[in-house]
Each structure stands twice: as structure tokens, then as C-alpha cells.
């Protein structure tokens, strides 16, 4: 299982996402994978999982199925996401 955070840097919400990532690491000891939706791999990832809104957090099982997805703000609680890591 993995959780991917898709967001664009240098946006009005980027600081919130970056603070969330730091808090998540501090509280759980786990890092979340991040992805830029404008990178080549980010574009194909967003197309594959039909992601149109940012920021988005996606919990994906080892076989590639979406287990949960949170789009936009506010971000989900750390306890909601930590279930998937």
C-alpha cells in the first residue's frame, strides 16, 4: 500500500501540503510519496487515476487499485491517511 500526494509547488496551497507532509512524518514516522502533476510521470499518473483537482491524496493498494482518495482542501486528518501506510 502506498499513499501519493499530488500537488503543484509554488501555488497558494503548497505551504499547507508541505506542512502536512512534515507533520505526517513527525507523527507517524512515515514519508508520503509526492508527485508533480505537470511532470511526465505525474501526467500519466493523473490520467490513469482520473485526477483533475489538486492537491489530491490517493491510497493505492499493491495491485494498483485505489483504496481511498481525498481531493482539494481541507486535507484529510493524519489519522485517516496513516491507516493506509
PDB file of N, CA and C in Angstrom:
ATOM      1  N   UNK A   1       0.861  -1.182   0.000  1.00  0.00           N
ATOM      2  CA  UNK A   1       0.000   0.000   0.000  1.00  0.00           C
ATOM      3  C   UNK A   1       0.898   1.232   0.000  1.00  0.00           C
ATOM      4  N   UNK A   2       0.467   2.225  -0.750  1.00  0.00           N
ATOM      5  CA  UNK A   2       1.201   3.491  -0.766  1.00  0.00           C
ATOM      6  C   UNK A   2       0.218   4.640  -0.856  1.00  0.00           C
ATOM      7  N   UNK A   3       0.644   5.779  -0.348  1.00  0.00           N
ATOM      8  CA  UNK A   3      -0.156   6.993  -0.436  1.00  0.00           C
ATOM      9  C   UNK A   3       0.663   8.003  -1.227  1.00  0.00           C
ATOM     10  N   UNK A   4       0.038   8.563  -2.257  1.00  0.00           N
ATOM     11  CA  UNK A   4       0.693   9.541  -3.115  1.00  0.00           C
ATOM     12  C   UNK A   4      -0.011  10.884  -2.940  1.00  0.00           C
ATOM     13  N   UNK A   5       0.788  11.924  -2.754  1.00  0.00           N
ATOM     14  CA  UNK A   5       0.270  13.283  -2.641  1.00  0.00           C
ATOM     15  C   UNK A   5       0.605  13.998  -3.946  1.00  0.00           C
ATOM     16  N   UNK A   6      -0.412  14.393  -4.678  1.00  0.00           N
ATOM     17  CA  UNK A   6      -0.217  15.071  -5.950  1.00  0.00           C
ATOM     18  C   UNK A   6      -0.539  16.539  -5.737  1.00  0.00           C
ATOM     19  N   UNK A   7       0.467  17.380  -5.958  1.00  0.00           N
ATOM     20  CA  UNK A   7       0.259  18.819  -5.802  1.00  0.00           C
ATOM     21  C   UNK A   7       1.278  19.587  -6.618  1.00  0.00           C
ATOM     22  N   UNK A   8       0.937  20.820  -6.912  1.00  0.00           N
ATOM     23  CA  UNK A   8       1.822  21.706  -7.655  1.00  0.00           C
ATOM     24  C   UNK A   8       2.552  22.612  -6.670  1.00  0.00           C
ATOM     25  N   UNK A   9       3.872  22.690  -6.813  1.00  0.00           N
ATOM     26  CA  UNK A   9       4.646  23.615  -5.994  1.00  0.00           C
ATOM     27  C   UNK A   9       4.362  25.031  -6.460  1.00  0.00           C
ATOM     28  N   UNK A  10       4.684  25.998  -5.643  1.00  0.00           N
ATOM     29  CA  UNK A  10       4.504  27.419  -5.962  1.00  0.00           C
ATOM     30  C   UNK A  10       3.042  27.758  -6.247  1.00  0.00           C
ATOM     31  N   UNK A  11       2.153  27.179  -5.443  1.00  0.00           N
ATOM     32  CA  UNK A  11       0.733  27.524  -5.506  1.00  0.00           C
ATOM     33  C   UNK A  11       0.312  28.045  -4.137  1.00  0.00           C
ATOM     34  N   UNK A  12      -0.886  28.565  -4.052  1.00  0.00           N
ATOM     35  CA  UNK A  12      -1.353  29.118  -2.783  1.00  0.00           C
ATOM     36  C   UNK A  12      -1.553  28.038  -1.720  1.00  0.00           C
ATOM     37  N   UNK A  13      -1.712  26.797  -2.104  1.00  0.00           N
ATOM     38  CA  UNK A  13      -1.924  25.719  -1.142  1.00  0.00           C
ATOM     39  C   UNK A  13      -0.655  24.906  -0.861  1.00  0.00           C
ATOM     40  N   UNK A  14       0.418  25.146  -1.576  1.00  0.00           N
ATOM     41  CA  UNK A  14       1.628  24.316  -1.456  1.00  0.00           C
ATOM     42  C   UNK A  14       2.177  24.306  -0.029  1.00  0.00           C
ATOM     43  N   UNK A  15       2.164  25.443   0.637  1.00  0.00           N
ATOM     44  CA  UNK A  15       2.694  25.512   2.013  1.00  0.00           C
ATOM     45  C   UNK A  15       1.893  24.604   2.944  1.00  0.00           C
ATOM     46  N   UNK A  16       0.571  24.578   2.770  1.00  0.00           N
ATOM     47  CA  UNK A  16      -0.276  23.703   3.583  1.00  0.00           C
ATOM     48  C   UNK A  16       0.119  22.240   3.382  1.00  0.00           C
ATOM     49  N   UNK A  17       0.337  21.853   2.130  1.00  0.00           N
ATOM     50  CA  UNK A  17       0.702  20.472   1.820  1.00  0.00           C
ATOM     51  C   UNK A  17       2.070  20.151   2.404  1.00  0.00           C
ATOM     52  N   UNK A  18       3.032  21.037   2.253  1.00  0.00           N
ATOM     53  CA  UNK A  18       4.369  20.787   2.768  1.00  0.00           C
ATOM     54  C   UNK A  18       4.373  20.697   4.284  1.00  0.00           C
ATOM     55  N   UNK A  19       3.609  21.545   4.960  1.00  0.00           N
ATOM     56  CA  UNK A  19       3.473  21.453   6.422  1.00  0.00           C
ATOM     57  C   UNK A  19       2.826  20.125   6.813  1.00  0.00           C
ATOM     58  N   UNK A  20       1.826  19.701   6.058  1.00  0.00           N
ATOM     59  CA  UNK A  20       1.150  18.432   6.303  1.00  0.00           C
ATOM     60  C   UNK A  20       2.140  17.271   6.194  1.00  0.00           C
ATOM     61  N   UNK A  21       2.987  17.299   5.167  1.00  0.00           N
ATOM     62  CA  UNK A  21       3.968  16.231   4.970  1.00  0.00           C
ATOM     63  C   UNK A  21       4.948  16.159   6.144  1.00  0.00           C
ATOM     64  N   UNK A  22       5.385  17.310   6.632  1.00  0.00           N
ATOM     65  CA  UNK A  22       6.295  17.355   7.786  1.00  0.00           C
ATOM     66  C   UNK A  22       5.586  16.814   9.031  1.00  0.00           C
ATOM     67  N   UNK A  23       4.360  17.259   9.264  1.00  0.00           N
ATOM     68  CA  UNK A  23       3.591  16.782  10.415  1.00  0.00           C
ATOM     69  C   UNK A  23       3.336  15.278  10.327  1.00  0.00           C
ATOM     70  N   UNK A  24       3.032  14.794   9.138  1.00  0.00           N
ATOM     71  CA  UNK A  24       2.767  13.369   8.948  1.00  0.00           C
ATOM     72  C   UNK A  24       4.005  12.555   9.312  1.00  0.00           C
ATOM     73  N   UNK A  25       5.159  12.990   8.847  1.00  0.00           N
ATOM     74  CA  UNK A  25       6.423  12.299   9.150  1.00  0.00           C
ATOM     75  C   UNK A  25       6.701  12.334  10.647  1.00  0.00           C
ATOM     76  N   UNK A  26       6.487  13.478  11.272  1.00  0.00           N
ATOM     77  CA  UNK A  26       6.743  13.623  12.705  1.00  0.00           C
ATOM     78  C   UNK A  26       5.820  12.729  13.533  1.00  0.00           C
ATOM     79  N   UNK A  27       4.552  12.653  13.154  1.00  0.00           N
ATOM     80  CA  UNK A  27       3.576  11.906  13.943  1.00  0.00           C
ATOM     81  C   UNK A  27       3.587  10.404  13.676  1.00  0.00           C
ATOM     82  N   UNK A  28       3.928   9.997  12.445  1.00  0.00           N
ATOM     83  CA  UNK A  28       3.822   8.578  12.093  1.00  0.00           C
ATOM     84  C   UNK A  28       5.168   7.911  11.822  1.00  0.00           C
ATOM     85  N   UNK A  29       6.190   8.714  11.526  1.00  0.00           N
ATOM     86  CA  UNK A  29       7.484   8.149  11.153  1.00  0.00           C
ATOM     87  C   UNK A  29       7.549   7.711   9.701  1.00  0.00           C
ATOM     88  N   UNK A  30       6.503   7.963   8.935  1.00  0.00           N
ATOM     89  CA  UNK A  30       6.442   7.566   7.527  1.00  0.00           C
ATOM     90  C   UNK A  30       6.469   8.793   6.625  1.00  0.00           C
ATOM     91  N   UNK A  31       7.136   8.644   5.496  1.00  0.00           N
ATOM     92  CA  UNK A  31       7.104   9.669   4.459  1.00  0.00           C
ATOM     93  C   UNK A  31       6.004   9.324   3.472  1.00  0.00           C
ATOM     94  N   UNK A  32       5.345  10.342   2.942  1.00  0.00           N
ATOM     95  CA  UNK A  32       4.375  10.142   1.877  1.00  0.00           C
ATOM     96  C   UNK A  32       5.053  10.471   0.556  1.00  0.00           C
ATOM     97  N   UNK A  33       4.744   9.707  -0.463  1.00  0.00           N
ATOM     98  CA  UNK A  33       5.272   9.952  -1.793  1.00  0.00           C
ATOM     99  C   UNK A  33       4.601  11.195  -2.363  1.00  0.00           C
ATOM    100  N   UNK A  34       5.381  12.063  -2.996  1.00  0.00           N
ATOM    101  CA  UNK A  34       4.815  13.251  -3.623  1.00  0.00           C
ATOM    102  C   UNK A  34       5.021  13.183  -5.131  1.00  0.00           C
ATOM    103  N   UNK A  35       4.146  13.869  -5.842  1.00  0.00           N
ATOM    104  CA  UNK A  35       4.220  13.854  -7.297  1.00  0.00           C
ATOM    105  C   UNK A  35       3.740  15.200  -7.835  1.00  0.00           C
ATOM    106  N   UNK A  36       4.463  15.692  -8.820  1.00  0.00           N
ATOM    107  CA  UNK A  36       4.073  16.914  -9.517  1.00  0.00           C
ATOM    108  C   UNK A  36       3.175  16.510 -10.684  1.00  0.00           C
ATOM    109  N   UNK A  37       1.946  17.016 -10.728  1.00  0.00           N
ATOM    110  CA  UNK A  37       1.035  16.598 -11.801  1.00  0.00           C
ATOM    111  C   UNK A  37       1.436  17.110 -13.181  1.00  0.00           C
ATOM    112  N   UNK A  38       2.430  17.983 -13.235  1.00  0.00           N
ATOM    113  CA  UNK A  38       2.870  18.518 -14.518  1.00  0.00           C
ATOM    114  C   UNK A  38       4.127  17.829 -15.047  1.00  0.00           C
ATOM    115  N   UNK A  39       4.676  16.890 -14.281  1.00  0.00           N
ATOM    116  CA  UNK A  39       5.826  16.119 -14.752  1.00  0.00           C
ATOM    117  C   UNK A  39       5.319  15.013 -15.679  1.00  0.00           C
ATOM    118  N   UNK A  40       6.183  14.444 -16.511  1.00  0.00           N
ATOM    119  CA  UNK A  40       5.725  13.367 -17.405  1.00  0.00           C
ATOM    120  C   UNK A  40       5.085  12.193 -16.650  1.00  0.00           C
ATOM    121  N   UNK A  41       5.721  11.763 -15.561  1.00  0.00           N
ATOM    122  CA  UNK A  41       5.129  10.651 -14.798  1.00  0.00           C
ATOM    123  C   UNK A  41       3.864  11.096 -14.076  1.00  0.00           C
ATOM    124  N   UNK A  42       3.827  12.350 -13.632  1.00  0.00           N
ATOM    125  CA  UNK A  42       2.636  12.874 -12.965  1.00  0.00           C
ATOM    126  C   UNK A  42       1.445  12.977 -13.896  1.00  0.00           C
ATOM    127  N   UNK A  43       1.707  13.385 -15.129  1.00  0.00           N
ATOM    128  CA  UNK A  43       0.628  13.484 -16.119  1.00  0.00           C
ATOM    129  C   UNK A  43       0.008  12.112 -16.363  1.00  0.00           C
ATOM    130  N   UNK A  44       0.841  11.104 -16.574  1.00  0.00           N
ATOM    131  CA  UNK A  44       0.298   9.766 -16.843  1.00  0.00           C
ATOM    132  C   UNK A  44      -0.397   9.191 -15.609  1.00  0.00           C
ATOM    133  N   UNK A  45       0.140   9.474 -14.416  1.00  0.00           N
ATOM    134  CA  UNK A  45      -0.489   9.006 -13.177  1.00  0.00           C
ATOM    135  C   UNK A  45      -1.875   9.636 -13.030  1.00  0.00           C
ATOM    136  N   UNK A  46      -1.961  10.947 -13.233  1.00  0.00           N
ATOM    137  CA  UNK A  46      -3.245  11.646 -13.100  1.00  0.00           C
ATOM    138  C   UNK A  46      -4.255  11.168 -14.133  1.00  0.00           C
ATOM    139  N   UNK A  47      -3.787  10.886 -15.340  1.00  0.00           N
ATOM    140  CA  UNK A  47      -4.695  10.352 -16.360  1.00  0.00           C
ATOM    141  C   UNK A  47      -5.183   8.959 -15.986  1.00  0.00           C
ATOM    142  N   UNK A  48      -4.283   8.123 -15.489  1.00  0.00           N
ATOM    143  CA  UNK A  48      -4.647   6.748 -15.132  1.00  0.00           C
ATOM    144  C   UNK A  48      -5.665   6.697 -13.997  1.00  0.00           C
ATOM    145  N   UNK A  49      -5.531   7.613 -13.028  1.00  0.00           N
ATOM    146  CA  UNK A  49      -6.419   7.604 -11.868  1.00  0.00           C
ATOM    147  C   UNK A  49      -7.473   8.717 -11.918  1.00  0.00           C
ATOM    148  N   UNK A  50      -7.605   9.384 -13.071  1.00  0.00           N
ATOM    149  CA  UNK A  50      -8.627  10.400 -13.299  1.00  0.00           C
ATOM    150  C   UNK A  50      -8.597  11.500 -12.231  1.00  0.00           C
ATOM    151  N   UNK A  51      -7.405  12.052 -12.001  1.00  0.00           N
ATOM    152  CA  UNK A  51      -7.220  13.107 -11.006  1.00  0.00           C
ATOM    153  C   UNK A  51      -7.190  14.446 -11.726  1.00  0.00           C
ATOM    154  N   UNK A  52      -8.124  15.317 -11.357  1.00  0.00           N
ATOM    155  CA  UNK A  52      -8.251  16.613 -12.001  1.00  0.00           C
ATOM    156  C   UNK A  52      -8.108  17.780 -11.038  1.00  0.00           C
ATOM    157  N   UNK A  53      -8.167  17.510  -9.736  1.00  0.00           N
ATOM    158  CA  UNK A  53      -8.131  18.563  -8.724  1.00  0.00           C
ATOM    159  C   UNK A  53      -6.898  18.372  -7.853  1.00  0.00           C
ATOM    160  N   UNK A  54      -6.299  19.490  -7.448  1.00  0.00           N
ATOM    161  CA  UNK A  54      -5.097  19.424  -6.616  1.00  0.00           C
ATOM    162  C   UNK A  54      -5.259  20.329  -5.412  1.00  0.00           C
ATOM    163  N   UNK A  55      -4.731  19.964  -4.267  1.00  0.00           N
ATOM    164  CA  UNK A  55      -3.985  18.742  -4.005  1.00  0.00           C
ATOM    165  C   UNK A  55      -4.915  17.536  -3.903  1.00  0.00           C
ATOM    166  N   UNK A  56      -4.368  16.382  -4.201  1.00  0.00           N
ATOM    167  CA  UNK A  56      -5.082  15.116  -4.056  1.00  0.00           C
ATOM    168  C   UNK A  56      -4.166  14.119  -3.369  1.00  0.00           C
ATOM    169  N   UNK A  57      -4.725  13.373  -2.433  1.00  0.00           N
ATOM    170  CA  UNK A  57      -4.028  12.252  -1.806  1.00  0.00           C
ATOM    171  C   UNK A  57      -4.733  10.994  -2.257  1.00  0.00           C
ATOM    172  N   UNK A  58      -3.949   9.995  -2.674  1.00  0.00           N
ATOM    173  CA  UNK A  58      -4.521   8.743  -3.166  1.00  0.00           C
ATOM    174  C   UNK A  58      -3.845   7.586  -2.444  1.00  0.00           C
ATOM    175  N   UNK A  59      -4.644   6.731  -1.827  1.00  0.00           N
ATOM    176  CA  UNK A  59      -4.139   5.496  -1.222  1.00  0.00           C
ATOM    177  C   UNK A  59      -4.334   4.383  -2.242  1.00  0.00           C
ATOM    178  N   UNK A  60      -3.228   3.754  -2.628  1.00  0.00           N
ATOM    179  CA  UNK A  60      -3.255   2.740  -3.682  1.00  0.00           C
ATOM    180  C   UNK A  60      -2.728   1.415  -3.136  1.00  0.00           C
ATOM    181  N   UNK A  61      -3.480   0.350  -3.384  1.00  0.00           N
ATOM    182  CA  UNK A  61      -3.041  -0.973  -2.944  1.00  0.00           C
ATOM    183  C   UNK A  61      -1.888  -1.452  -3.816  1.00  0.00           C
ATOM    184  N   UNK A  62      -1.226  -2.509  -3.382  1.00  0.00           N
ATOM    185  CA  UNK A  62      -0.070  -3.037  -4.111  1.00  0.00           C
ATOM    186  C   UNK A  62      -0.434  -3.489  -5.524  1.00  0.00           C
ATOM    187  N   UNK A  63      -1.698  -3.837  -5.744  1.00  0.00           N
ATOM    188  CA  UNK A  63      -2.113  -4.261  -7.088  1.00  0.00           C
ATOM    189  C   UNK A  63      -2.653  -3.097  -7.935  1.00  0.00           C
ATOM    190  N   UNK A  64      -2.515  -1.845  -7.438  1.00  0.00           N
ATOM    191  CA  UNK A  64      -2.854  -0.674  -8.222  1.00  0.00           C
ATOM    192  C   UNK A  64      -4.268  -0.157  -8.094  1.00  0.00           C
ATOM    193  N   UNK A  65      -5.055  -0.725  -7.193  1.00  0.00           N
ATOM    194  CA  UNK A  65      -6.434  -0.264  -7.009  1.00  0.00           C
ATOM    195  C   UNK A  65      -6.495   0.864  -5.985  1.00  0.00           C
ATOM    196  N   UNK A  66      -7.312   1.863  -6.274  1.00  0.00           N
ATOM    197  CA  UNK A  66      -7.492   2.979  -5.345  1.00  0.00           C
ATOM    198  C   UNK A  66      -8.302   2.497  -4.143  1.00  0.00           C
ATOM    199  N   UNK A  67      -7.746   2.701  -2.960  1.00  0.00           N
ATOM    200  CA  UNK A  67      -8.430   2.328  -1.727  1.00  0.00           C
ATOM    201  C   UNK A  67      -9.196   3.515  -1.136  1.00  0.00           C
ATOM    202  N   UNK A  68      -8.627   4.703  -1.315  1.00  0.00           N
ATOM    203  CA  UNK A  68      -9.296   5.926  -0.864  1.00  0.00           C
ATOM    204  C   UNK A  68      -8.664   7.098  -1.597  1.00  0.00           C
ATOM    205  N   UNK A  69      -9.412   8.189  -1.678  1.00  0.00           N
ATOM    206  CA  UNK A  69      -8.914   9.367  -2.372  1.00  0.00           C
ATOM    207  C   UNK A  69      -9.506  10.604  -1.722  1.00  0.00           C
ATOM    208  N   UNK A  70      -8.658  11.599  -1.496  1.00  0.00           N
ATOM    209  CA  UNK A  70      -9.084  12.868  -0.922  1.00  0.00           C
ATOM    210  C   UNK A  70      -8.662  13.965  -1.881  1.00  0.00           C
ATOM    211  N   UNK A  71      -9.614  14.787  -2.315  1.00  0.00           N
ATOM    212  CA  UNK A  71      -9.306  15.842  -3.267  1.00  0.00           C
ATOM    213  C   UNK A  71      -9.548  17.212  -2.665  1.00  0.00           C
ATOM    214  N   UNK A  72      -8.650  18.137  -3.000  1.00  0.00           N
ATOM    215  CA  UNK A  72      -8.803  19.517  -2.584  1.00  0.00           C
ATOM    216  C   UNK A  72      -8.538  19.741  -1.111  1.00  0.00           C
ATOM    217  N   UNK A  73      -8.885  20.940  -0.687  1.00  0.00           N
ATOM    218  CA  UNK A  73      -8.723  21.318   0.715  1.00  0.00           C
ATOM    219  C   UNK A  73     -10.079  21.264   1.388  1.00  0.00           C
ATOM    220  N   UNK A  74     -10.155  21.036   2.673  1.00  0.00           N
ATOM    221  CA  UNK A  74      -9.041  20.789   3.576  1.00  0.00           C
ATOM    222  C   UNK A  74      -8.455  19.392   3.375  1.00  0.00           C
ATOM    223  N   UNK A  75      -7.206  19.247   3.773  1.00  0.00           N
ATOM    224  CA  UNK A  75      -6.549  17.941   3.687  1.00  0.00           C
ATOM    225  C   UNK A  75      -7.154  17.003   4.724  1.00  0.00           C
ATOM    226  N   UNK A  76      -7.089  15.704   4.483  1.00  0.00           N
ATOM    227  CA  UNK A  76      -7.639  14.747   5.468  1.00  0.00           C
ATOM    228  C   UNK A  76      -6.800  14.761   6.743  1.00  0.00           C
ATOM    229  N   UNK A  77      -7.361  14.218   7.786  1.00  0.00           N
ATOM    230  CA  UNK A  77      -6.587  14.142   9.031  1.00  0.00           C
ATOM    231  C   UNK A  77      -5.446  13.137   8.863  1.00  0.00           C
ATOM    232  N   UNK A  78      -4.432  13.311   9.658  1.00  0.00           N
ATOM    233  CA  UNK A  78      -3.285  12.408   9.587  1.00  0.00           C
ATOM    234  C   UNK A  78      -3.699  10.990   9.973  1.00  0.00           C
ATOM    235  N   UNK A  79      -4.605  10.854  10.921  1.00  0.00           N
ATOM    236  CA  UNK A  79      -5.048   9.511  11.308  1.00  0.00           C
ATOM    237  C   UNK A  79      -5.806   8.814  10.178  1.00  0.00           C
ATOM    238  N   UNK A  80      -6.560   9.560   9.385  1.00  0.00           N
ATOM    239  CA  UNK A  80      -7.260   8.962   8.240  1.00  0.00           C
ATOM    240  C   UNK A  80      -6.267   8.368   7.243  1.00  0.00           C
ATOM    241  N   UNK A  81      -5.209   9.112   6.963  1.00  0.00           N
ATOM    242  CA  UNK A  81      -4.229   8.687   5.959  1.00  0.00           C
ATOM    243  C   UNK A  81      -3.287   7.636   6.519  1.00  0.00           C
ATOM    244  N   UNK A  82      -2.940   7.734   7.787  1.00  0.00           N
ATOM    245  CA  UNK A  82      -1.968   6.785   8.359  1.00  0.00           C
ATOM    246  C   UNK A  82      -2.468   5.354   8.347  1.00  0.00           C
ATOM    247  N   UNK A  83      -3.769   5.163   8.259  1.00  0.00           N
ATOM    248  CA  UNK A  83      -4.332   3.818   8.144  1.00  0.00           C
ATOM    249  C   UNK A  83      -3.796   3.085   6.904  1.00  0.00           C
ATOM    250  N   UNK A  84      -3.445   3.842   5.872  1.00  0.00           N
ATOM    251  CA  UNK A  84      -3.044   3.255   4.596  1.00  0.00           C
ATOM    252  C   UNK A  84      -1.528   3.113   4.407  1.00  0.00           C
ATOM    253  N   UNK A  85      -0.732   3.517   5.382  1.00  0.00           N
ATOM    254  CA  UNK A  85       0.728   3.381   5.227  1.00  0.00           C
ATOM    255  C   UNK A  85       1.283   2.292   6.114  1.00  0.00           C
TER     256      UNK A  85
END
